[in-house]
Amino acid sequence: MMKASKAQVSDSTDCSANNICIGSNEKTYNTASSPREDDIFGRVSFKKENFVASLHGCSEKYDAILCLSVSKWIHLNWGDDGLITLFVKIWRLLRPGGIFVLEPQPWSSYNRNRQVSKTATLNFNNIILRPHVFREILLDKIGFRSAEIVTDSLSGTVAGFNRPIIAFTK
């Protein structure tokens, strides 16, 4: 297991080969100080920022982007426009053949969390694009060419997390 002391933190807006470029007010977390070809922690880094509100672009392209248990929060905080912005930015950041892994939360989860803020309540009341249409939007409007539910054959899921995980291919 890697110790936290090995992490390097930077506040750069540069999109270097070992950084994930995702918006403004970011912090980049490199998980190793000297990357080696066989060391995944030398090739993976994390960046914390507001992806939806970010105005600057990134020239980097990625093989895979994960969006697990966050689409509801983007939707409640930014509405339908924020969700579409998320999907378009992810599509643009992926290489051809890249994979976008999405775990959309059910509408009932939105309902339970709609009152966390005034913004969430307002957006909840105006949402038109519910989670059951995300697949259609990503395939027909955003441009992904295929989608596969990867959790259909899994057994023994933890209660509360029995949600579909969908892999979309660019």
Protein backbone atom coordinates (compact mmCIF):
# COMPACT_ATOMS: atom_id res chain seq x y z
CA MET A 1 0.00 0.00 0.00
CA MET A 2 1.25 3.48 -0.87
CA LYS A 3 1.82 5.98 1.92
CA ALA A 4 0.23 9.42 1.68
CA SER A 5 3.62 11.05 2.16
CA LYS A 6 4.64 10.00 -1.35
CA ALA A 7 1.90 12.10 -2.96
CA GLN A 8 2.85 15.34 -4.62
CA VAL A 9 0.32 18.16 -4.77
CA SER A 10 0.42 20.96 -7.29
CA ASP A 11 -1.90 23.89 -8.04
CA SER A 12 -0.86 24.08 -11.68
CA THR A 13 -3.25 24.58 -14.58
CA ASP A 14 -0.82 22.80 -16.87
CA CYS A 15 -2.07 19.60 -18.49
CA SER A 16 1.13 17.58 -18.46
CA ALA A 17 1.32 13.90 -19.40
CA ASN A 18 1.01 12.71 -15.80
CA ASN A 19 -1.78 15.06 -14.73
CA ILE A 20 -5.50 14.89 -15.24
CA CYS A 21 -6.79 18.18 -16.61
CA ILE A 22 -10.31 18.91 -15.43
CA GLY A 23 -11.17 22.59 -14.85
CA SER A 24 -10.48 25.51 -12.53
CA ASN A 25 -9.38 25.86 -8.90
CA GLU A 26 -7.69 22.52 -9.27
CA LYS A 27 -5.15 20.58 -7.30
CA THR A 28 -3.20 17.83 -8.99
CA TYR A 29 -2.23 14.75 -7.03
CA ASN A 30 0.63 12.72 -8.46
CA THR A 31 0.76 9.37 -6.76
CA ALA A 32 4.46 8.68 -7.27
CA SER A 33 7.59 10.78 -7.48
CA SER A 34 9.38 8.73 -10.17
CA PRO A 35 7.14 7.03 -12.74
CA ARG A 36 8.20 3.63 -14.02
CA GLU A 37 6.65 1.84 -16.99
CA ASP A 38 5.38 -1.03 -14.81
CA ASP A 39 4.26 1.17 -11.91
CA ILE A 40 0.62 2.26 -12.28
CA PHE A 41 1.02 4.81 -9.49
CA GLY A 42 3.58 6.57 -11.64
CA ARG A 43 1.09 6.98 -14.49
CA VAL A 44 -2.07 7.86 -12.57
CA SER A 45 -2.81 11.19 -10.98
CA PHE A 46 -5.88 12.93 -9.62
CA LYS A 47 -7.06 16.50 -9.89
CA LYS A 48 -9.63 18.18 -7.67
CA GLU A 49 -11.64 20.97 -9.28
CA ASN A 50 -15.01 22.11 -10.49
CA PHE A 51 -15.19 20.29 -13.83
CA VAL A 52 -18.53 21.74 -14.93
CA ALA A 53 -17.63 25.39 -14.25
CA SER A 54 -14.16 25.14 -15.79
CA LEU A 55 -13.71 27.33 -18.84
CA HIS A 56 -10.24 26.30 -19.95
CA GLY A 57 -9.73 23.37 -22.25
CA CYS A 58 -7.29 20.54 -22.08
CA SER A 59 -5.31 19.13 -24.96
CA GLU A 60 -4.73 15.81 -23.18
CA LYS A 61 -6.73 12.75 -24.27
CA TYR A 62 -7.63 9.85 -22.03
CA ASP A 63 -8.31 6.15 -22.48
CA ALA A 64 -10.93 6.01 -19.71
CA ILE A 65 -12.88 8.41 -17.52
CA LEU A 66 -14.90 7.30 -14.50
CA CYS A 67 -18.01 9.05 -13.22
CA LEU A 68 -19.14 7.01 -10.22
CA SER A 69 -21.84 8.27 -7.84
CA VAL A 70 -21.49 11.89 -8.91
CA SER A 71 -23.93 12.48 -11.79
CA LYS A 72 -26.78 13.19 -9.33
CA TRP A 73 -24.74 15.86 -7.55
CA ILE A 74 -23.74 17.54 -10.80
CA HIS A 75 -27.36 17.40 -11.91
CA LEU A 76 -28.72 18.83 -8.63
CA ASN A 77 -26.11 21.60 -8.51
CA TRP A 78 -25.96 22.53 -12.19
CA GLY A 79 -29.25 21.28 -13.64
CA ASP A 80 -29.72 19.73 -17.07
CA ASP A 81 -27.23 22.16 -18.64
CA GLY A 82 -24.51 21.11 -16.19
CA LEU A 83 -25.13 17.43 -16.89
CA ILE A 84 -24.93 17.95 -20.66
CA THR A 85 -21.76 20.03 -20.16
CA LEU A 86 -20.26 17.13 -18.18
CA PHE A 87 -21.11 14.59 -20.89
CA VAL A 88 -19.76 16.78 -23.73
CA LYS A 89 -16.50 17.55 -21.90
CA ILE A 90 -15.93 13.88 -21.15
CA TRP A 91 -16.56 12.95 -24.79
CA ARG A 92 -14.03 15.58 -25.91
CA LEU A 93 -11.38 14.36 -23.44
CA LEU A 94 -11.58 10.73 -24.55
CA ARG A 95 -9.42 9.28 -27.30
CA PRO A 96 -11.25 7.49 -30.12
CA GLY A 97 -12.23 4.12 -28.68
CA GLY A 98 -11.99 5.54 -25.13
CA ILE A 99 -14.32 4.35 -22.39
CA PHE A 100 -16.61 6.47 -20.22
CA VAL A 101 -17.80 4.55 -17.14
CA LEU A 102 -20.97 6.02 -15.64
CA GLU A 103 -22.90 5.03 -12.54
CA PRO A 104 -26.09 7.07 -12.67
CA GLN A 105 -28.02 7.30 -9.41
CA PRO A 106 -31.75 6.52 -9.52
CA TRP A 107 -34.34 9.31 -9.53
CA SER A 108 -35.45 8.26 -6.02
CA SER A 109 -31.97 9.25 -4.78
CA TYR A 110 -32.39 12.72 -6.31
CA ASN A 111 -35.70 13.05 -4.50
CA ARG A 112 -34.11 12.15 -1.15
CA ASN A 113 -31.35 14.76 -1.63
CA ARG A 114 -33.27 17.57 -3.32
CA GLN A 115 -33.34 19.76 -0.21
CA VAL A 116 -29.61 19.84 0.57
CA SER A 117 -29.52 23.42 -0.73
CA LYS A 118 -31.75 26.04 -2.35
CA THR A 119 -29.90 25.49 -5.63
CA ALA A 120 -30.51 21.73 -5.49
CA THR A 121 -34.21 22.27 -4.78
CA LEU A 122 -34.58 24.72 -7.65
CA ASN A 123 -32.70 22.49 -10.08
CA PHE A 124 -34.57 19.36 -8.93
CA ASN A 125 -37.88 21.07 -9.74
CA ASN A 126 -36.63 21.97 -13.24
CA ILE A 127 -34.89 18.73 -14.26
CA ILE A 128 -36.23 17.29 -17.50
CA LEU A 129 -33.44 14.78 -18.25
CA ARG A 130 -33.96 12.00 -15.74
CA PRO A 131 -31.37 9.23 -15.25
CA HIS A 132 -33.29 6.66 -17.33
CA VAL A 133 -32.58 8.76 -20.47
CA PHE A 134 -28.82 9.25 -19.90
CA ARG A 135 -27.95 6.25 -22.09
CA GLU A 136 -30.04 7.59 -24.97
CA ILE A 137 -28.54 11.09 -24.61
CA LEU A 138 -24.96 9.77 -24.56
CA LEU A 139 -25.51 7.56 -27.61
CA ASP A 140 -27.84 9.67 -29.75
CA LYS A 141 -26.90 13.25 -28.85
CA ILE A 142 -23.35 13.26 -27.45
CA GLY A 143 -21.90 10.76 -29.93
CA PHE A 144 -20.83 7.64 -28.04
CA ARG A 145 -21.08 4.65 -30.35
CA SER A 146 -21.98 1.88 -27.90
CA ALA A 147 -22.96 1.19 -24.31
CA GLU A 148 -22.72 -1.91 -22.16
CA ILE A 149 -24.10 -2.43 -18.68
CA VAL A 150 -21.15 -4.00 -16.88
CA THR A 151 -22.93 -4.84 -13.62
CA ASP A 152 -25.57 -7.22 -15.04
CA SER A 153 -23.57 -10.32 -14.24
CA LEU A 154 -22.23 -9.22 -10.84
CA SER A 155 -23.49 -10.92 -7.71
CA GLY A 156 -23.20 -10.03 -4.03
CA THR A 157 -23.54 -6.26 -4.40
CA VAL A 158 -23.64 -4.18 -1.24
CA ALA A 159 -27.08 -2.90 -0.23
CA GLY A 160 -27.64 0.63 -1.47
CA PHE A 161 -25.19 0.29 -4.32
CA ASN A 162 -27.14 -2.04 -6.54
CA ARG A 163 -27.04 0.44 -9.43
CA PRO A 164 -26.12 -0.13 -13.05
CA ILE A 165 -22.63 0.81 -14.15
CA ILE A 166 -22.54 1.54 -17.86
CA ALA A 167 -19.44 1.61 -20.07
CA PHE A 168 -19.80 3.89 -23.09
CA THR A 169 -17.33 3.62 -25.97
CA LYS A 170 -16.37 6.69 -27.99
